[in-house]
Every structure is written in structure tokens, then in C-alpha cells.
Amino acid sequence: MSSQQRIRLARRHAALSQTQLSQAVGVQRSAVSHWEAPQGKNPSVKHLREVALVTGVQFEWLATGRGEMATSRDTVLDSVAAADALLVDDALEQRLLLAFREAPVRARLALVEVVEQLAEQRTGRVRTSTTRAGRRQGAE
């Protein structure tokens, strides 16, 4: 079975349309169509990982055809990258983290600065991180 056939099978197994999969992975629908075409292009490793996570199949099976198609519960937990993991118990902190991650890259610094300024106003304490201190010294 080709990689294109495995991607299509994984998508159908998850009962997703090409549009739904493309939105979940963060690509255009045409990209999914190309990935599934008989002589289609192969997705990047990052996108292939996302397809595996979204569709609930083993990454190794999706990438190579080896192993089992479906993921076990243990594999699901092991397949979450540490950088993407949410190790937050506080619901408000989780909302803040998700808002930061969903923001465009150009807007992230502004978001952090706004939150820091609000925290300073509420607590009366000035943050002394080296980044902020360095920025203040450079600005003076």
C-alpha cells in the first residue's frame, strides 16, 4: 500500500473529509488532495505527524506501512511532543497559553508585553527578567 493510500485510508477511518483534515492539519484542502493522489506529493514529516494525530493512526504505519494502523491508548500519550503538551492545571492559565499559541507569530510579543504590564499594575511589582531589563536599558 502506498503512502498516498495510507493517508486516504487514515482520513476515511477517522470519518473526515479532505477539507476537515486540511483544517485540522493547517494546510489547504488541495494539499490533502495532492497527498492522496496516486502520483501525489508526500507531506512533510510535521504534517504527516499531524495527520497521524488527527486521524488516530500510528505514525510509523502512516509513514512506512509497518506496524499496526490504529494507535493504542499508551501510544496516544507517548506521541504528544513535550513542546505541544499542556501541563497546566489552571483553566485560566490554559486559556492564556492557548490564546498565545493560536496568535500569529508577529502578535505574540505584544500579547506577552500586555500581560506583563497588566500583572505589574495589579501587583505593583516590576518584572525583572533579563529580556525586559535589557530592552529597557537599550531603550534609554
Protein backbone atom coordinates (compact mmCIF):
# COMPACT_ATOMS: atom_id res chain seq x y z
CA MET A 1 0.00 0.00 0.00
CA SER A 2 1.39 3.41 -0.97
CA SER A 3 1.75 6.34 1.40
CA GLN A 4 -0.99 8.11 -0.56
CA GLN A 5 -3.35 5.17 0.01
CA ARG A 6 -2.48 5.08 3.73
CA ILE A 7 -3.26 8.79 4.12
CA ARG A 8 -6.63 8.33 2.39
CA LEU A 9 -7.41 5.23 4.49
CA ALA A 10 -6.47 7.04 7.72
CA ARG A 11 -8.66 10.01 6.78
CA ARG A 12 -11.62 7.80 5.93
CA HIS A 13 -11.08 5.71 9.07
CA ALA A 14 -11.41 8.94 11.07
CA ALA A 15 -14.55 9.85 9.07
CA LEU A 16 -13.03 13.14 7.91
CA SER A 17 -13.43 14.93 4.62
CA GLN A 18 -10.38 16.33 2.87
CA THR A 19 -11.49 19.78 3.98
CA GLN A 20 -11.81 18.73 7.63
CA LEU A 21 -8.39 17.06 7.61
CA SER A 22 -6.80 20.07 5.93
CA GLN A 23 -8.23 22.40 8.58
CA ALA A 24 -7.07 20.15 11.41
CA VAL A 25 -3.55 19.91 9.97
CA GLY A 26 -3.37 23.58 8.96
CA VAL A 27 -2.99 23.23 5.19
CA GLN A 28 -5.10 23.93 2.12
CA ARG A 29 -7.57 21.26 1.02
CA SER A 30 -5.63 20.91 -2.22
CA ALA A 31 -2.60 19.76 -0.21
CA VAL A 32 -4.58 16.83 1.19
CA SER A 33 -5.81 16.07 -2.32
CA HIS A 34 -2.19 16.01 -3.57
CA TRP A 35 -1.14 13.77 -0.68
CA GLU A 36 -3.86 11.27 -1.62
CA ALA A 37 -3.41 11.37 -5.41
CA PRO A 38 -1.88 8.20 -6.94
CA GLN A 39 1.26 10.07 -8.05
CA GLY A 40 0.86 12.73 -5.38
CA LYS A 41 3.34 14.60 -3.28
CA ASN A 42 4.38 13.41 0.17
CA PRO A 43 3.60 15.65 3.15
CA SER A 44 6.37 16.97 5.36
CA VAL A 45 7.17 14.98 8.49
CA LYS A 46 5.45 17.68 10.56
CA HIS A 47 2.26 17.40 8.52
CA LEU A 48 2.44 13.59 8.49
CA ARG A 49 2.69 13.66 12.30
CA GLU A 50 -0.38 15.92 12.46
CA VAL A 51 -2.30 13.62 10.12
CA ALA A 52 -1.44 10.66 12.35
CA LEU A 53 -2.56 12.51 15.49
CA VAL A 54 -5.77 13.84 13.95
CA THR A 55 -6.78 10.52 12.42
CA GLY A 56 -5.69 8.37 15.37
CA VAL A 57 -3.29 6.13 13.49
CA GLN A 58 0.28 5.11 14.26
CA PHE A 59 2.85 7.49 12.77
CA GLU A 60 5.13 4.59 11.79
CA TRP A 61 2.30 2.87 9.91
CA LEU A 62 1.33 6.08 8.15
CA ALA A 63 4.92 6.91 7.18
CA THR A 64 6.21 3.45 6.27
CA GLY A 65 3.36 0.95 6.23
CA ARG A 66 4.97 -1.05 9.04
CA GLY A 67 3.24 -1.89 12.30
CA GLU A 68 -0.39 -1.53 13.27
CA MET A 69 -2.64 1.14 11.83
CA ALA A 70 -4.58 2.07 14.97
CA THR A 71 -2.94 3.64 17.99
CA SER A 72 -3.21 2.23 21.47
CA ARG A 73 -4.05 4.43 24.47
CA ASP A 74 -0.41 4.32 25.64
CA THR A 75 0.84 5.39 22.23
CA VAL A 76 -1.50 8.37 22.17
CA LEU A 77 0.04 9.70 25.37
CA ASP A 78 3.59 8.94 24.23
CA SER A 79 3.10 10.63 20.85
CA VAL A 80 2.43 14.11 22.25
CA ALA A 81 5.52 16.23 21.78
CA ALA A 82 6.73 17.84 25.00
CA ALA A 83 6.60 21.27 23.38
CA ASP A 84 2.95 20.74 22.46
CA ALA A 85 1.89 19.20 25.74
CA LEU A 86 -0.41 21.12 28.03
CA LEU A 87 0.87 20.59 31.54
CA VAL A 88 -1.41 23.19 33.03
CA ASP A 89 -3.97 22.56 35.76
CA ASP A 90 -5.38 26.08 36.00
CA ALA A 91 -8.15 26.70 33.44
CA LEU A 92 -7.33 30.42 33.10
CA GLU A 93 -3.65 29.72 32.56
CA GLN A 94 -4.60 27.16 29.92
CA ARG A 95 -6.79 29.74 28.14
CA LEU A 96 -3.90 32.20 28.14
CA LEU A 97 -1.49 29.60 26.79
CA LEU A 98 -3.90 28.52 24.05
CA ALA A 99 -4.55 32.14 23.06
CA PHE A 100 -0.79 32.70 22.81
CA ARG A 101 -0.30 29.57 20.69
CA GLU A 102 -3.15 30.49 18.35
CA ALA A 103 -1.96 34.08 17.88
CA PRO A 104 0.05 34.98 14.79
CA VAL A 105 3.78 34.92 15.50
CA ARG A 106 4.04 38.71 14.99
CA ALA A 107 1.42 39.32 17.69
CA ARG A 108 2.92 37.09 20.39
CA LEU A 109 5.45 39.58 21.77
CA ALA A 110 2.74 42.22 22.07
CA LEU A 111 0.49 39.74 23.92
CA VAL A 112 3.23 38.91 26.40
CA GLU A 113 4.03 42.58 26.99
CA VAL A 114 0.35 43.42 27.59
CA VAL A 115 0.01 40.58 30.11
CA GLU A 116 3.23 41.64 31.86
CA GLN A 117 2.05 45.26 32.09
CA LEU A 118 -1.33 44.21 33.48
CA ALA A 119 0.38 41.99 36.04
CA GLU A 120 2.66 44.88 37.06
CA GLN A 121 -0.34 47.19 37.51
CA ARG A 122 -2.20 44.62 39.61
CA THR A 123 0.71 43.60 41.83
CA GLY A 124 2.74 46.80 41.89
CA ARG A 125 5.85 44.72 41.17
CA VAL A 126 8.04 45.29 38.15
CA ARG A 127 9.16 42.18 36.32
CA THR A 128 12.92 41.87 36.29
CA SER A 129 13.55 39.30 33.58
CA THR A 130 16.76 39.82 31.63
CA THR A 131 14.80 40.28 28.41
CA ARG A 132 12.71 43.11 29.78
CA ALA A 133 15.61 44.67 31.67
CA GLY A 134 17.77 44.53 28.54
CA ARG A 135 15.03 46.07 26.46
CA ARG A 136 14.57 48.90 28.99
CA GLN A 137 18.31 49.62 29.13
CA GLY A 138 18.56 49.60 25.33
CA ALA A 139 15.62 51.98 25.06
CA GLU A 140 17.12 54.55 27.45
